[in-house]
Amino acid sequence: VSLPIEKLSKDDQSYVRTIPERLSAKARVEPVDAGDDRVTLGGAGAIPQQTLQRLKGATVFVRASTGLLETSGSGFLLAKRQDTAYLVTNAHVVALPSLTPLRVECVFHSGTKAEQSVPATIVILDEDNDLAILEVELDTLPEPVDIDTKVEVGETLPVFILGFPFGDALRTNQRH
């Protein structure tokens, strides 16, 4: 794991270093008893509109380039402190072999009138687990994804997918 985060305060360094562990702890699946009658998000298989808008706000389009080589993927806002945000993405999106400086940017509210593109810095790169933590600065940050909520996984639980798996391929205009 690469940790080029010396520029952060000691408190921020400690906080950022806990994000990969917190993510991997959430990846543990605990089965739900088949007789459990808890309702999934939205009750009828849909995410409530307010929740969906909050999740979409925390989902960003990540683009990395070295000049000739360009990649893209999804990122998710996990934490914010004032105007600084920490996002998680896949390491393969931002770990490009380069002879020129790597440029990483995150697009918030992609494809909307509120779209905003900001430069990002890689603060943690863990290629073994295909994770990267990015830092961005923006004065109007959306609410982060709540990674501390425990979700019990069970048979027939609906799965909702957010992000940009095809990058620019699905773009319908000049926005992302």
Protein backbone atom coordinates (compact mmCIF):
# COMPACT_ATOMS: atom_id res chain seq x y z
CA VAL A 1 0.00 0.00 0.00
CA SER A 2 1.34 3.39 -0.96
CA LEU A 3 0.57 6.18 1.53
CA PRO A 4 1.77 9.52 0.09
CA ILE A 5 -0.31 11.50 2.60
CA GLU A 6 2.36 13.31 4.60
CA LYS A 7 0.85 16.67 3.63
CA LEU A 8 -2.25 15.91 5.73
CA SER A 9 -2.51 16.72 9.43
CA LYS A 10 -1.85 13.83 11.83
CA ASP A 11 -5.62 13.54 12.56
CA ASP A 12 -6.48 13.48 8.85
CA GLN A 13 -3.74 10.93 8.14
CA SER A 14 -5.16 8.64 10.83
CA TYR A 15 -8.70 9.10 9.52
CA VAL A 16 -7.78 8.45 5.86
CA ARG A 17 -5.76 5.37 6.77
CA THR A 18 -8.85 3.82 8.41
CA ILE A 19 -10.98 4.03 5.25
CA PRO A 20 -9.67 0.81 3.58
CA GLU A 21 -10.14 -1.16 6.80
CA ARG A 22 -13.64 0.23 7.25
CA LEU A 23 -14.49 -0.72 3.67
CA SER A 24 -13.14 -4.27 3.99
CA ALA A 25 -15.02 -4.72 7.28
CA LYS A 26 -18.25 -3.83 5.49
CA ALA A 27 -17.54 -6.43 2.82
CA ARG A 28 -18.19 -9.24 5.28
CA VAL A 29 -21.57 -10.77 4.54
CA GLU A 30 -23.80 -12.07 7.27
CA PRO A 31 -26.70 -14.25 6.07
CA VAL A 32 -30.25 -13.34 7.06
CA ASP A 33 -32.63 -15.94 8.38
CA ALA A 34 -35.10 -16.97 5.64
CA GLY A 35 -37.97 -16.19 8.00
CA ASP A 36 -36.83 -12.58 8.50
CA ASP A 37 -39.55 -10.26 7.19
CA ARG A 38 -37.61 -6.97 7.12
CA VAL A 39 -38.41 -4.72 4.20
CA THR A 40 -35.73 -3.78 1.65
CA LEU A 41 -35.06 -0.19 0.55
CA GLY A 42 -38.27 1.31 -0.78
CA GLY A 43 -40.42 -1.63 0.22
CA ALA A 44 -41.55 -2.35 -3.33
CA GLY A 45 -38.07 -2.82 -4.73
CA ALA A 46 -37.31 0.85 -5.36
CA ILE A 47 -34.93 3.23 -3.63
CA PRO A 48 -36.80 6.20 -2.13
CA GLN A 49 -36.22 9.30 -4.27
CA GLN A 50 -34.47 11.24 -1.48
CA THR A 51 -32.07 8.35 -0.84
CA LEU A 52 -31.41 7.92 -4.57
CA GLN A 53 -30.58 11.62 -4.99
CA ARG A 54 -28.20 11.48 -2.00
CA LEU A 55 -26.45 8.39 -3.43
CA LYS A 56 -26.20 9.91 -6.90
CA GLY A 57 -24.72 13.07 -5.38
CA ALA A 58 -22.01 10.97 -3.72
CA THR A 59 -21.22 9.12 -6.98
CA VAL A 60 -18.57 10.69 -9.22
CA PHE A 61 -17.14 10.05 -12.66
CA VAL A 62 -13.36 9.57 -12.31
CA ARG A 63 -11.06 10.25 -15.23
CA ALA A 64 -7.29 9.72 -15.27
CA SER A 65 -4.85 10.52 -18.06
CA THR A 66 -1.14 10.69 -18.78
CA GLY A 67 -1.45 12.45 -22.12
CA LEU A 68 -1.74 9.48 -24.49
CA LEU A 69 -3.41 7.03 -22.12
CA GLU A 70 -6.80 7.76 -20.57
CA THR A 71 -9.04 5.68 -18.29
CA SER A 72 -12.29 6.31 -16.47
CA GLY A 73 -14.45 4.75 -13.81
CA SER A 74 -16.67 5.43 -10.84
CA GLY A 75 -15.88 6.90 -7.46
CA PHE A 76 -17.84 7.36 -4.28
CA LEU A 77 -17.60 10.14 -1.72
CA LEU A 78 -16.86 8.48 1.62
CA ALA A 79 -15.88 11.35 3.89
CA LYS A 80 -15.63 15.12 3.94
CA ARG A 81 -14.07 17.70 6.19
CA GLN A 82 -15.00 21.29 5.36
CA ASP A 83 -14.05 21.71 1.66
CA THR A 84 -11.95 18.52 1.46
CA ALA A 85 -13.44 15.19 0.39
CA TYR A 86 -12.12 11.64 0.26
CA LEU A 87 -13.40 9.33 -2.45
CA VAL A 88 -12.85 5.64 -3.14
CA THR A 89 -12.33 4.23 -6.62
CA ASN A 90 -10.57 1.24 -8.13
CA ALA A 91 -6.77 1.41 -8.25
CA HIS A 92 -6.80 0.22 -11.89
CA VAL A 93 -8.66 3.43 -12.83
CA VAL A 94 -5.91 5.73 -11.54
CA ALA A 95 -2.74 3.58 -11.49
CA LEU A 96 -1.49 4.28 -14.99
CA PRO A 97 2.06 3.68 -16.20
CA SER A 98 3.28 7.11 -17.14
CA LEU A 99 6.19 8.95 -18.60
CA THR A 100 4.32 12.22 -18.07
CA PRO A 101 2.55 13.44 -14.94
CA LEU A 102 -0.70 11.70 -14.11
CA ARG A 103 -3.80 13.89 -14.14
CA VAL A 104 -6.84 12.69 -12.18
CA GLU A 105 -10.15 14.51 -12.05
CA CYS A 106 -13.53 13.80 -10.49
CA VAL A 107 -16.79 14.96 -12.03
CA PHE A 108 -19.54 15.66 -9.53
CA HIS A 109 -23.20 15.68 -10.69
CA SER A 110 -22.13 14.26 -14.05
CA GLY A 111 -24.42 15.04 -16.97
CA THR A 112 -26.46 17.64 -15.10
CA LYS A 113 -26.50 21.44 -15.13
CA ALA A 114 -24.70 21.31 -11.78
CA GLU A 115 -21.79 19.25 -13.23
CA GLN A 116 -18.46 20.26 -11.73
CA SER A 117 -15.04 18.81 -12.54
CA VAL A 118 -12.23 19.08 -9.98
CA PRO A 119 -8.63 17.80 -9.86
CA ALA A 120 -7.96 14.89 -7.52
CA THR A 121 -4.87 13.68 -5.70
CA ILE A 122 -4.22 10.01 -4.99
CA VAL A 123 -3.62 9.69 -1.23
CA ILE A 124 -3.78 5.89 -0.94
CA LEU A 125 -3.09 3.41 -3.73
CA ASP A 126 -3.57 -0.27 -2.87
CA GLU A 127 -3.11 -2.22 -6.08
CA ASP A 128 -3.30 -5.60 -4.30
CA ASN A 129 -6.92 -4.88 -3.30
CA ASP A 130 -7.65 -2.66 -6.34
CA LEU A 131 -8.56 0.33 -4.17
CA ALA A 132 -7.54 3.96 -4.29
CA ILE A 133 -8.49 6.87 -2.05
CA LEU A 134 -8.62 10.25 -3.77
CA GLU A 135 -8.67 13.70 -2.21
CA VAL A 136 -10.52 16.62 -3.80
CA GLU A 137 -11.33 20.14 -2.71
CA LEU A 138 -14.70 21.66 -3.51
CA ASP A 139 -16.71 24.24 -1.60
CA THR A 140 -20.10 22.61 -2.35
CA LEU A 141 -19.69 18.95 -1.44
CA PRO A 142 -22.62 16.54 -1.38
CA GLU A 143 -23.22 14.23 1.58
CA PRO A 144 -20.93 11.16 1.67
CA VAL A 145 -22.11 7.57 1.38
CA ASP A 146 -22.73 6.09 4.82
CA ILE A 147 -20.31 3.14 4.98
CA ASP A 148 -21.01 2.50 8.64
CA THR A 149 -24.57 1.26 8.12
CA LYS A 150 -24.78 -2.48 8.51
CA VAL A 151 -26.73 -4.19 5.74
CA GLU A 152 -27.72 -7.77 6.27
CA VAL A 153 -27.63 -9.70 3.03
CA GLY A 154 -30.26 -12.32 2.30
CA GLU A 155 -31.71 -14.29 -0.53
CA THR A 156 -33.68 -12.17 -3.07
CA LEU A 157 -32.31 -8.89 -1.65
CA PRO A 158 -32.43 -6.34 -4.49
CA VAL A 159 -29.09 -4.94 -5.62
CA PHE A 160 -28.81 -1.37 -6.90
CA ILE A 161 -25.84 -0.24 -8.96
CA LEU A 162 -24.63 3.34 -9.30
CA GLY A 163 -21.67 4.65 -11.21
CA PHE A 164 -20.13 4.94 -14.64
CA PRO A 165 -19.08 1.44 -15.75
CA PHE A 166 -18.86 2.43 -19.41
CA GLY A 167 -17.27 5.85 -18.94
CA ASP A 168 -17.86 8.09 -21.93
CA ALA A 169 -19.53 5.33 -23.98
CA LEU A 170 -23.04 6.18 -22.73
CA ARG A 171 -22.61 9.96 -22.91
CA THR A 172 -25.39 11.70 -24.84
CA ASN A 173 -23.94 15.22 -24.81
CA GLN A 174 -20.73 17.12 -24.04
CA ARG A 175 -21.26 16.62 -20.34
CA HIS A 176 -20.17 13.40 -18.66
